[in-house]
PDB file of all heavy atoms in Angstrom:
ATOM      1  N   GLN A   1       0.813  -1.252   0.002  1.00  0.00           N
ATOM      2  CA  GLN A   1       0.046   0.038  -0.003  1.00  0.00           C
ATOM      3  C   GLN A   1       0.879   1.226   0.057  1.00  0.00           C
ATOM      4  O   GLN A   1       0.563   2.226  -0.696  1.00  0.00           O
ATOM      5  CB  GLN A   1      -0.909   0.126   1.231  1.00  0.00           C
ATOM      6  CG  GLN A   1      -2.049  -0.971   1.174  1.00  0.00           C
ATOM      7  CD  GLN A   1      -2.828  -1.141   2.467  1.00  0.00           C
ATOM      8  OE1 GLN A   1      -2.249  -0.963   3.513  1.00  0.00           O
ATOM      9  NE2 GLN A   1      -4.120  -1.431   2.270  1.00  0.00           N
ATOM     10  N   SER A   2       1.938   1.267   0.839  1.00  0.00           N
ATOM     11  CA  SER A   2       2.866   2.370   0.846  1.00  0.00           C
ATOM     12  C   SER A   2       3.565   2.550  -0.545  1.00  0.00           C
ATOM     13  O   SER A   2       3.609   3.675  -1.108  1.00  0.00           O
ATOM     14  CB  SER A   2       3.919   2.138   1.850  1.00  0.00           C
ATOM     15  OG  SER A   2       4.841   3.194   2.003  1.00  0.00           O
ATOM     16  N   PHE A   3       3.866   1.463  -1.149  1.00  0.00           N
ATOM     17  CA  PHE A   3       4.444   1.475  -2.469  1.00  0.00           C
ATOM     18  C   PHE A   3       3.535   2.050  -3.545  1.00  0.00           C
ATOM     19  O   PHE A   3       3.866   2.972  -4.388  1.00  0.00           O
ATOM     20  CB  PHE A   3       4.774  -0.011  -2.823  1.00  0.00           C
ATOM     21  CG  PHE A   3       5.513  -0.189  -4.216  1.00  0.00           C
ATOM     22  CD1 PHE A   3       6.456   0.672  -4.740  1.00  0.00           C
ATOM     23  CD2 PHE A   3       5.366  -1.359  -4.894  1.00  0.00           C
ATOM     24  CE1 PHE A   3       7.136   0.553  -5.850  1.00  0.00           C
ATOM     25  CE2 PHE A   3       5.985  -1.655  -6.073  1.00  0.00           C
ATOM     26  CZ  PHE A   3       6.858  -0.753  -6.578  1.00  0.00           C
ATOM     27  N   ALA A   4       2.234   1.673  -3.478  1.00  0.00           N
ATOM     28  CA  ALA A   4       1.273   2.220  -4.368  1.00  0.00           C
ATOM     29  C   ALA A   4       1.066   3.618  -4.151  1.00  0.00           C
ATOM     30  O   ALA A   4       0.757   4.455  -5.115  1.00  0.00           O
ATOM     31  CB  ALA A   4      -0.103   1.402  -4.191  1.00  0.00           C
ATOM     32  N   HIS A   5       1.109   4.158  -2.921  1.00  0.00           N
ATOM     33  CA  HIS A   5       0.899   5.538  -2.670  1.00  0.00           C
ATOM     34  C   HIS A   5       2.085   6.371  -3.306  1.00  0.00           C
ATOM     35  O   HIS A   5       1.739   7.439  -3.999  1.00  0.00           O
ATOM     36  CB  HIS A   5       0.821   5.887  -1.124  1.00  0.00           C
ATOM     37  CG  HIS A   5       0.590   7.320  -0.838  1.00  0.00           C
ATOM     38  ND1 HIS A   5      -0.619   7.929  -0.981  1.00  0.00           N
ATOM     39  CD2 HIS A   5       1.455   8.299  -0.451  1.00  0.00           C
ATOM     40  CE1 HIS A   5      -0.580   9.187  -0.650  1.00  0.00           C
ATOM     41  NE2 HIS A   5       0.641   9.446  -0.398  1.00  0.00           N
ATOM     42  N   TRP A   6       3.258   5.898  -3.218  1.00  0.00           N
ATOM     43  CA  TRP A   6       4.290   6.536  -3.871  1.00  0.00           C
ATOM     44  C   TRP A   6       4.095   6.602  -5.379  1.00  0.00           C
ATOM     45  O   TRP A   6       4.534   7.512  -6.096  1.00  0.00           O
ATOM     46  CB  TRP A   6       5.746   5.986  -3.466  1.00  0.00           C
ATOM     47  CG  TRP A   6       6.214   6.492  -2.112  1.00  0.00           C
ATOM     48  CD1 TRP A   6       6.419   5.730  -1.025  1.00  0.00           C
ATOM     49  CD2 TRP A   6       6.499   7.785  -1.699  1.00  0.00           C
ATOM     50  NE1 TRP A   6       6.762   6.453   0.094  1.00  0.00           N
ATOM     51  CE2 TRP A   6       6.872   7.795  -0.366  1.00  0.00           C
ATOM     52  CE3 TRP A   6       6.468   8.966  -2.405  1.00  0.00           C
ATOM     53  CZ2 TRP A   6       7.205   8.894   0.244  1.00  0.00           C
ATOM     54  CZ3 TRP A   6       6.834  10.214  -1.787  1.00  0.00           C
ATOM     55  CH2 TRP A   6       7.208  10.147  -0.394  1.00  0.00           C
ATOM     56  N   ARG A   7       3.627   5.464  -5.947  1.00  0.00           N
ATOM     57  CA  ARG A   7       3.318   5.388  -7.353  1.00  0.00           C
ATOM     58  C   ARG A   7       2.368   6.592  -7.759  1.00  0.00           C
ATOM     59  O   ARG A   7       2.541   7.277  -8.703  1.00  0.00           O
ATOM     60  CB  ARG A   7       2.807   4.030  -7.725  1.00  0.00           C
ATOM     61  CG  ARG A   7       2.230   3.921  -9.073  1.00  0.00           C
ATOM     62  CD  ARG A   7       1.232   2.680  -9.265  1.00  0.00           C
ATOM     63  NE  ARG A   7       0.058   2.966  -8.376  1.00  0.00           N
ATOM     64  CZ  ARG A   7      -0.841   2.032  -8.083  1.00  0.00           C
ATOM     65  NH1 ARG A   7      -0.616   0.824  -8.396  1.00  0.00           N
ATOM     66  NH2 ARG A   7      -1.937   2.356  -7.344  1.00  0.00           N
ATOM     67  N   ASP A   8       1.289   6.700  -6.947  1.00  0.00           N
ATOM     68  CA  ASP A   8       0.333   7.620  -7.235  1.00  0.00           C
ATOM     69  C   ASP A   8       0.737   9.055  -7.063  1.00  0.00           C
ATOM     70  O   ASP A   8       0.428   9.878  -7.920  1.00  0.00           O
ATOM     71  CB  ASP A   8      -1.027   7.373  -6.340  1.00  0.00           C
ATOM     72  CG  ASP A   8      -1.567   6.056  -6.629  1.00  0.00           C
ATOM     73  OD1 ASP A   8      -1.333   5.435  -7.693  1.00  0.00           O
ATOM     74  OD2 ASP A   8      -2.330   5.558  -5.703  1.00  0.00           O
ATOM     75  N   VAL A   9       1.385   9.439  -6.018  1.00  0.00           N
ATOM     76  CA  VAL A   9       1.822  10.812  -5.881  1.00  0.00           C
ATOM     77  C   VAL A   9       2.923  11.324  -6.846  1.00  0.00           C
ATOM     78  O   VAL A   9       3.093  12.393  -7.080  1.00  0.00           O
ATOM     79  CB  VAL A   9       2.184  11.165  -4.346  1.00  0.00           C
ATOM     80  CG1 VAL A   9       1.115  10.905  -3.376  1.00  0.00           C
ATOM     81  CG2 VAL A   9       3.482  10.295  -3.892  1.00  0.00           C
ATOM     82  N   ASN A  10       3.598  10.275  -7.350  1.00  0.00           N
ATOM     83  CA  ASN A  10       4.591  10.541  -8.348  1.00  0.00           C
ATOM     84  C   ASN A  10       4.153  10.472  -9.742  1.00  0.00           C
ATOM     85  O   ASN A  10       4.880  10.605 -10.690  1.00  0.00           O
ATOM     86  CB  ASN A  10       5.851   9.678  -8.093  1.00  0.00           C
ATOM     87  CG  ASN A  10       6.726  10.062  -6.919  1.00  0.00           C
ATOM     88  OD1 ASN A  10       7.051  11.155  -6.712  1.00  0.00           O
ATOM     89  ND2 ASN A  10       7.110   9.093  -6.102  1.00  0.00           N
ATOM     90  N   GLY A  11       2.840  10.268  -9.964  1.00  0.00           N
ATOM     91  CA  GLY A  11       2.297  10.351 -11.238  1.00  0.00           C
ATOM     92  C   GLY A  11       2.803   9.191 -12.167  1.00  0.00           C
ATOM     93  O   GLY A  11       2.927   9.421 -13.369  1.00  0.00           O
ATOM     94  N   CYS A  12       3.245   7.963 -11.627  1.00  0.00           N
ATOM     95  CA  CYS A  12       3.694   6.894 -12.420  1.00  0.00           C
ATOM     96  C   CYS A  12       2.457   6.395 -13.272  1.00  0.00           C
ATOM     97  O   CYS A  12       1.323   6.292 -12.954  1.00  0.00           O
ATOM     98  CB  CYS A  12       4.095   5.827 -11.497  1.00  0.00           C
ATOM     99  SG  CYS A  12       5.390   6.315 -10.373  1.00  0.00           S
ATOM    100  N   VAL A  13       2.883   6.166 -14.572  1.00  0.00           N
ATOM    101  CA  VAL A  13       1.910   5.795 -15.615  1.00  0.00           C
ATOM    102  C   VAL A  13       1.269   4.465 -15.412  1.00  0.00           C
ATOM    103  O   VAL A  13      -0.045   4.278 -15.497  1.00  0.00           O
ATOM    104  CB  VAL A  13       2.582   5.991 -17.003  1.00  0.00           C
ATOM    105  CG1 VAL A  13       1.537   5.534 -18.064  1.00  0.00           C
ATOM    106  CG2 VAL A  13       2.964   7.426 -17.300  1.00  0.00           C
ATOM    107  N   SER A  14       2.080   3.437 -15.092  1.00  0.00           N
ATOM    108  CA  SER A  14       1.604   2.130 -15.166  1.00  0.00           C
ATOM    109  C   SER A  14       0.799   1.681 -13.905  1.00  0.00           C
ATOM    110  O   SER A  14       1.132   2.291 -12.802  1.00  0.00           O
ATOM    111  CB  SER A  14       2.727   1.075 -15.259  1.00  0.00           C
ATOM    112  OG  SER A  14       3.562   1.482 -16.407  1.00  0.00           O
ATOM    113  N   ALA A  15      -0.157   0.876 -14.009  1.00  0.00           N
ATOM    114  CA  ALA A  15      -0.841   0.373 -12.813  1.00  0.00           C
ATOM    115  C   ALA A  15      -0.040  -0.629 -12.047  1.00  0.00           C
ATOM    116  O   ALA A  15      -0.211  -0.810 -10.883  1.00  0.00           O
ATOM    117  CB  ALA A  15      -2.229  -0.217 -13.208  1.00  0.00           C
ATOM    118  N   SER A  16       0.762  -1.331 -12.718  1.00  0.00           N
ATOM    119  CA  SER A  16       1.625  -2.436 -12.154  1.00  0.00           C
ATOM    120  C   SER A  16       3.159  -1.951 -12.344  1.00  0.00           C
ATOM    121  O   SER A  16       3.361  -1.245 -13.291  1.00  0.00           O
ATOM    122  CB  SER A  16       1.336  -3.752 -12.744  1.00  0.00           C
ATOM    123  OG  SER A  16       0.029  -4.153 -12.598  1.00  0.00           O
ATOM    124  N   PRO A  17       3.951  -2.523 -11.559  1.00  0.00           N
ATOM    125  CA  PRO A  17       5.448  -2.159 -11.749  1.00  0.00           C
ATOM    126  C   PRO A  17       5.921  -2.407 -13.115  1.00  0.00           C
ATOM    127  O   PRO A  17       5.592  -3.406 -13.791  1.00  0.00           O
ATOM    128  CB  PRO A  17       6.123  -3.053 -10.648  1.00  0.00           C
ATOM    129  CG  PRO A  17       5.067  -3.241  -9.560  1.00  0.00           C
ATOM    130  CD  PRO A  17       3.869  -3.332 -10.340  1.00  0.00           C
ATOM    131  N   ASP A  18       6.744  -1.487 -13.640  1.00  0.00           N
ATOM    132  CA  ASP A  18       7.310  -1.632 -14.957  1.00  0.00           C
ATOM    133  C   ASP A  18       8.440  -2.743 -14.996  1.00  0.00           C
ATOM    134  O   ASP A  18       8.597  -3.394 -16.117  1.00  0.00           O
ATOM    135  CB  ASP A  18       7.903  -0.285 -15.408  1.00  0.00           C
ATOM    136  CG  ASP A  18       6.758   0.812 -15.451  1.00  0.00           C
ATOM    137  OD1 ASP A  18       5.847   0.618 -16.160  1.00  0.00           O
ATOM    138  OD2 ASP A  18       7.053   1.802 -14.750  1.00  0.00           O
ATOM    139  N   THR A  19       9.114  -2.924 -13.952  1.00  0.00           N
ATOM    140  CA  THR A  19      10.182  -3.891 -13.991  1.00  0.00           C
ATOM    141  C   THR A  19      10.144  -4.736 -12.605  1.00  0.00           C
ATOM    142  O   THR A  19       9.791  -4.189 -11.546  1.00  0.00           O
ATOM    143  CB  THR A  19      11.563  -3.343 -14.081  1.00  0.00           C
ATOM    144  OG1 THR A  19      11.906  -2.501 -12.878  1.00  0.00           O
ATOM    145  CG2 THR A  19      11.657  -2.410 -15.341  1.00  0.00           C
ATOM    146  N   THR A  20      10.436  -5.951 -12.629  1.00  0.00           N
ATOM    147  CA  THR A  20      10.559  -6.835 -11.446  1.00  0.00           C
ATOM    148  C   THR A  20      11.848  -7.695 -11.561  1.00  0.00           C
ATOM    149  O   THR A  20      11.973  -8.297 -12.547  1.00  0.00           O
ATOM    150  CB  THR A  20       9.364  -7.708 -11.251  1.00  0.00           C
ATOM    151  OG1 THR A  20       8.198  -6.831 -11.173  1.00  0.00           O
ATOM    152  CG2 THR A  20       9.417  -8.406  -9.930  1.00  0.00           C
ATOM    153  N   THR A  21      12.765  -7.605 -10.699  1.00  0.00           N
ATOM    154  CA  THR A  21      13.986  -8.448 -10.666  1.00  0.00           C
ATOM    155  C   THR A  21      14.004  -9.233  -9.377  1.00  0.00           C
ATOM    156  O   THR A  21      13.378  -8.933  -8.406  1.00  0.00           O
ATOM    157  CB  THR A  21      15.219  -7.508 -10.863  1.00  0.00           C
ATOM    158  OG1 THR A  21      15.305  -6.495  -9.713  1.00  0.00           O
ATOM    159  CG2 THR A  21      15.088  -6.739 -12.136  1.00  0.00           C
ATOM    160  N   GLN A  22      14.911 -10.203  -9.481  1.00  0.00           N
ATOM    161  CA  GLN A  22      15.301 -11.012  -8.243  1.00  0.00           C
ATOM    162  C   GLN A  22      16.743 -10.868  -8.017  1.00  0.00           C
ATOM    163  O   GLN A  22      17.584 -11.589  -8.499  1.00  0.00           O
ATOM    164  CB  GLN A  22      14.909 -12.452  -8.500  1.00  0.00           C
ATOM    165  CG  GLN A  22      13.402 -12.704  -8.289  1.00  0.00           C
ATOM    166  CD  GLN A  22      13.180 -14.240  -8.178  1.00  0.00           C
ATOM    167  OE1 GLN A  22      13.111 -14.947  -9.158  1.00  0.00           O
ATOM    168  NE2 GLN A  22      12.919 -14.583  -6.940  1.00  0.00           N
ATOM    169  N   PRO A  23      17.191  -9.920  -7.059  1.00  0.00           N
ATOM    170  CA  PRO A  23      18.585  -9.834  -6.787  1.00  0.00           C
ATOM    171  C   PRO A  23      19.072 -11.070  -5.994  1.00  0.00           C
ATOM    172  O   PRO A  23      20.364 -11.119  -5.842  1.00  0.00           O
ATOM    173  CB  PRO A  23      18.605  -8.485  -5.934  1.00  0.00           C
ATOM    174  CG  PRO A  23      17.258  -8.417  -5.393  1.00  0.00           C
ATOM    175  CD  PRO A  23      16.355  -9.015  -6.378  1.00  0.00           C
ATOM    176  N   GLY A  24      18.272 -11.864  -5.400  1.00  0.00           N
ATOM    177  CA  GLY A  24      18.641 -13.076  -4.767  1.00  0.00           C
ATOM    178  C   GLY A  24      17.528 -14.072  -4.843  1.00  0.00           C
ATOM    179  O   GLY A  24      16.386 -13.742  -5.208  1.00  0.00           O
ATOM    180  N   PRO A  25      17.818 -15.287  -4.451  1.00  0.00           N
ATOM    181  CA  PRO A  25      16.731 -16.398  -4.511  1.00  0.00           C
ATOM    182  C   PRO A  25      15.489 -16.112  -3.824  1.00  0.00           C
ATOM    183  O   PRO A  25      14.428 -16.553  -4.298  1.00  0.00           O
ATOM    184  CB  PRO A  25      17.516 -17.546  -4.009  1.00  0.00           C
ATOM    185  CG  PRO A  25      18.930 -17.323  -4.122  1.00  0.00           C
ATOM    186  CD  PRO A  25      19.087 -15.776  -3.848  1.00  0.00           C
ATOM    187  N   THR A  26      15.541 -15.376  -2.704  1.00  0.00           N
ATOM    188  CA  THR A  26      14.404 -15.077  -1.937  1.00  0.00           C
ATOM    189  C   THR A  26      13.925 -13.691  -1.923  1.00  0.00           C
ATOM    190  O   THR A  26      13.047 -13.269  -1.170  1.00  0.00           O
ATOM    191  CB  THR A  26      14.477 -15.597  -0.488  1.00  0.00           C
ATOM    192  OG1 THR A  26      15.390 -14.714   0.218  1.00  0.00           O
ATOM    193  CG2 THR A  26      14.977 -17.086  -0.379  1.00  0.00           C
ATOM    194  N   SER A  27      14.548 -12.788  -2.796  1.00  0.00           N
ATOM    195  CA  SER A  27      14.289 -11.449  -2.778  1.00  0.00           C
ATOM    196  C   SER A  27      13.755 -10.994  -4.147  1.00  0.00           C
ATOM    197  O   SER A  27      14.124 -11.442  -5.162  1.00  0.00           O
ATOM    198  CB  SER A  27      15.644 -10.678  -2.528  1.00  0.00           C
ATOM    199  OG  SER A  27      16.168 -11.055  -1.303  1.00  0.00           O
TER     200      SER A  27
END
């Protein structure tokens, strides 16, 4: 929810994250 609020107040275009990565097996 906090992540989504920063998306909204920053005017991010996409409804879902533009990129998703895995810097480690569980992260």
